[in-house]
N, C-alpha and C. Protein backbone atom coordinates (compact mmCIF):
# COMPACT_ATOMS: atom_id res chain seq x y z
N MET A 1 21.08 -8.48 8.41
CA MET A 1 19.56 -8.61 8.43
C MET A 1 19.16 -9.81 7.36
N ILE A 2 18.48 -10.67 8.22
CA ILE A 2 18.11 -11.92 7.30
C ILE A 2 17.33 -11.42 5.90
N LEU A 3 16.38 -10.53 5.86
CA LEU A 3 15.67 -10.10 4.63
C LEU A 3 16.63 -9.35 3.64
N ALA A 4 17.61 -8.75 4.01
CA ALA A 4 18.28 -7.76 3.15
C ALA A 4 18.76 -8.55 1.71
N PRO A 5 19.31 -9.82 1.40
CA PRO A 5 19.23 -10.34 0.04
C PRO A 5 18.17 -10.30 -0.43
N ILE A 6 17.14 -10.49 0.06
CA ILE A 6 15.56 -10.34 -0.58
C ILE A 6 15.43 -9.35 -1.37
N PHE A 7 15.65 -7.98 -0.30
CA PHE A 7 15.18 -6.88 -0.88
C PHE A 7 16.19 -6.45 -2.15
N ASP A 8 17.40 -6.84 -2.25
CA ASP A 8 18.27 -6.81 -3.02
C ASP A 8 17.83 -7.13 -4.63
N ASP A 9 17.02 -8.15 -4.63
CA ASP A 9 16.50 -8.73 -5.77
C ASP A 9 15.25 -8.08 -6.26
N ILE A 10 14.55 -7.12 -5.68
CA ILE A 10 13.25 -6.83 -6.00
C ILE A 10 13.40 -5.25 -6.60
N ASP A 11 12.39 -5.07 -7.35
CA ASP A 11 12.65 -3.55 -7.80
C ASP A 11 11.60 -2.57 -7.26
N ARG A 12 11.81 -1.54 -7.71
CA ARG A 12 10.93 -0.29 -7.03
C ARG A 12 9.41 -0.77 -6.85
N THR A 13 8.78 -1.16 -7.85
CA THR A 13 7.47 -1.29 -7.74
C THR A 13 7.06 -2.37 -6.67
N GLU A 14 8.11 -3.42 -6.79
CA GLU A 14 7.61 -4.41 -5.56
C GLU A 14 7.60 -4.06 -4.33
N ARG A 15 8.75 -3.12 -4.06
CA ARG A 15 9.08 -2.27 -2.56
C ARG A 15 7.84 -1.51 -2.45
N ALA A 16 7.34 -0.84 -3.44
CA ALA A 16 6.22 0.21 -3.23
C ALA A 16 5.00 -0.88 -2.84
N THR A 17 4.63 -2.07 -3.22
CA THR A 17 3.74 -3.21 -3.24
C THR A 17 3.79 -3.38 -1.66
N ILE A 18 5.15 -3.69 -1.26
CA ILE A 18 5.24 -4.19 0.10
C ILE A 18 4.92 -3.24 1.21
N GLY A 19 5.16 -2.04 0.85
CA GLY A 19 5.03 -0.70 1.64
C GLY A 19 3.70 -0.62 1.76
N LEU A 20 2.87 -0.55 0.58
CA LEU A 20 1.34 -0.29 0.86
C LEU A 20 0.62 -1.53 1.48
N THR A 21 1.29 -2.67 1.22
CA THR A 21 0.65 -3.57 2.08
C THR A 21 0.65 -3.47 3.56
N ALA A 22 1.85 -3.18 3.90
CA ALA A 22 2.13 -2.90 5.25
C ALA A 22 1.40 -1.79 5.92
N ALA A 23 1.05 -0.73 5.22
CA ALA A 23 0.30 0.25 5.64
C ALA A 23 -1.34 0.08 5.65
N TYR A 24 -1.41 -0.60 4.52
CA TYR A 24 -2.88 -1.45 4.52
C TYR A 24 -3.18 -1.97 5.78
N LEU A 25 -2.28 -2.92 6.12
CA LEU A 25 -2.41 -3.69 7.39
C LEU A 25 -2.54 -3.03 8.63
N ALA A 26 -1.52 -1.97 8.71
CA ALA A 26 -1.52 -1.07 10.09
C ALA A 26 -2.86 -0.20 10.27
N THR A 27 -3.31 0.37 8.81
CA THR A 27 -4.37 0.91 9.12
C THR A 27 -5.57 0.47 9.32
N LEU A 28 -5.73 -0.84 8.87
CA LEU A 28 -6.95 -1.75 8.98
C LEU A 28 -6.99 -2.32 10.34
N SER A 29 -5.65 -2.54 11.14
CA SER A 29 -5.99 -2.84 12.37
C SER A 29 -6.27 -1.46 13.20
N ALA A 30 -5.97 -0.60 13.12
CA ALA A 30 -6.31 0.56 13.80
C ALA A 30 -7.95 0.89 13.35
N VAL A 31 -8.52 0.68 12.11
CA VAL A 31 -9.78 1.00 12.34
C VAL A 31 -10.60 -0.13 12.91
N TRP A 32 -9.99 -1.40 12.83
CA TRP A 32 -10.77 -2.69 13.53
C TRP A 32 -10.94 -2.10 15.04
N LEU A 33 -9.87 -1.94 15.47
CA LEU A 33 -9.74 -1.30 16.93
C LEU A 33 -10.61 -0.34 17.20
N VAL A 34 -11.09 0.76 16.45
CA VAL A 34 -12.14 1.73 16.62
C VAL A 34 -13.27 1.34 16.57
N ASP A 35 -13.59 0.50 15.26
CA ASP A 35 -14.72 -0.31 15.05
C ASP A 35 -16.09 0.86 14.99
N GLU A 36 -15.90 1.88 14.12
CA GLU A 36 -16.90 2.84 14.36
C GLU A 36 -17.05 2.81 12.44
N PRO A 37 -18.45 2.76 12.07
CA PRO A 37 -18.91 2.79 10.86
C PRO A 37 -18.48 3.89 9.90
N ILE A 38 -18.41 5.06 10.27
CA ILE A 38 -17.86 6.10 9.30
C ILE A 38 -16.17 5.97 9.46
N VAL A 39 -15.61 5.47 10.25
CA VAL A 39 -14.04 5.07 10.11
C VAL A 39 -13.95 4.01 9.23
N TRP A 40 -14.90 3.07 9.14
CA TRP A 40 -14.61 1.91 8.15
C TRP A 40 -14.91 2.30 6.68
N LEU A 41 -16.09 3.34 6.83
CA LEU A 41 -16.21 3.90 5.34
C LEU A 41 -15.03 4.58 4.71
N ALA A 42 -14.43 5.79 5.53
CA ALA A 42 -13.38 6.40 5.39
C ALA A 42 -12.23 5.61 5.12
N TRP A 43 -11.97 4.68 5.69
CA TRP A 43 -10.98 3.85 5.39
C TRP A 43 -11.06 3.24 4.07
N ALA A 44 -12.21 2.60 3.52
CA ALA A 44 -12.50 2.11 2.56
C ALA A 44 -12.10 2.83 1.26
N ILE A 45 -12.59 4.25 1.27
CA ILE A 45 -12.58 5.02 0.21
C ILE A 45 -11.27 5.21 0.30
N GLY A 46 -10.48 5.58 1.55
CA GLY A 46 -8.78 5.95 1.41
C GLY A 46 -8.04 4.73 0.71
N ALA A 47 -8.20 3.57 1.14
CA ALA A 47 -7.88 2.61 0.53
C ALA A 47 -7.67 2.22 -0.88
N VAL A 48 -8.91 2.53 -1.57
CA VAL A 48 -9.23 2.37 -2.92
C VAL A 48 -8.60 3.64 -3.53
N ALA A 49 -8.77 4.78 -3.06
CA ALA A 49 -7.77 6.04 -3.40
C ALA A 49 -6.27 5.89 -3.58
N VAL A 50 -5.67 5.46 -2.49
CA VAL A 50 -4.27 5.29 -2.50
C VAL A 50 -4.02 4.14 -3.50
N SER A 51 -4.72 2.87 -3.39
CA SER A 51 -4.10 1.85 -4.24
C SER A 51 -4.42 2.44 -5.77
N GLY A 52 -5.65 2.87 -6.15
CA GLY A 52 -5.48 3.30 -7.53
C GLY A 52 -4.58 4.63 -7.83
N ALA A 53 -4.39 5.24 -7.23
CA ALA A 53 -3.39 6.60 -7.22
C ALA A 53 -1.69 5.49 -7.58
N ALA A 54 -1.70 4.83 -6.50
CA ALA A 54 -0.36 4.12 -6.82
C ALA A 54 -0.16 3.16 -8.13
N MET A 55 -1.21 2.58 -8.50
CA MET A 55 -1.34 1.79 -9.77
C MET A 55 -1.27 2.84 -11.13
N ILE A 56 -1.75 3.77 -10.97
CA ILE A 56 -1.87 5.01 -12.13
C ILE A 56 -0.11 5.36 -11.95
N VAL A 57 0.18 5.96 -11.02
CA VAL A 57 2.01 6.24 -10.99
C VAL A 57 2.69 5.13 -11.65
N ALA A 58 2.36 3.96 -11.09
CA ALA A 58 3.37 3.04 -11.48
C ALA A 58 3.34 2.44 -13.03
N ASN A 59 2.17 2.64 -13.70
CA ASN A 59 2.13 2.40 -15.02
C ASN A 59 2.46 3.89 -15.61
N ARG A 60 2.40 5.04 -15.22
CA ARG A 60 2.96 6.04 -16.11
C ARG A 60 4.72 5.99 -15.92
N ILE A 61 4.82 5.69 -14.98
CA ILE A 61 6.56 5.61 -14.68
C ILE A 61 7.03 4.36 -15.59
N ARG A 62 6.22 3.34 -15.64
CA ARG A 62 6.61 2.23 -16.37
C ARG A 62 6.67 2.58 -17.96
N SER A 63 5.61 3.40 -18.42
CA SER A 63 5.49 4.05 -19.91
C SER A 63 6.60 4.63 -20.28
N ILE A 64 7.04 5.61 -19.16
CA ILE A 64 7.98 6.63 -19.84
C ILE A 64 9.43 5.65 -19.76
N GLU A 65 9.76 4.84 -19.16
CA GLU A 65 10.93 4.26 -19.11
C GLU A 65 11.00 3.43 -20.65
């Protein structure tokens, strides 16, 4: 695989960032296709909650190490 050497050099938080970005873009595409205001609102609230939770978890794990 072409990207395999790249993934060997990144740590767990960077992999999580890539995963969150991919999920963000996938769900954004789905919401864009549906194009309903309530879905946009729910997506925005969910995106903020998930990204905030990810930052909290990453900072707590980093402080334990």
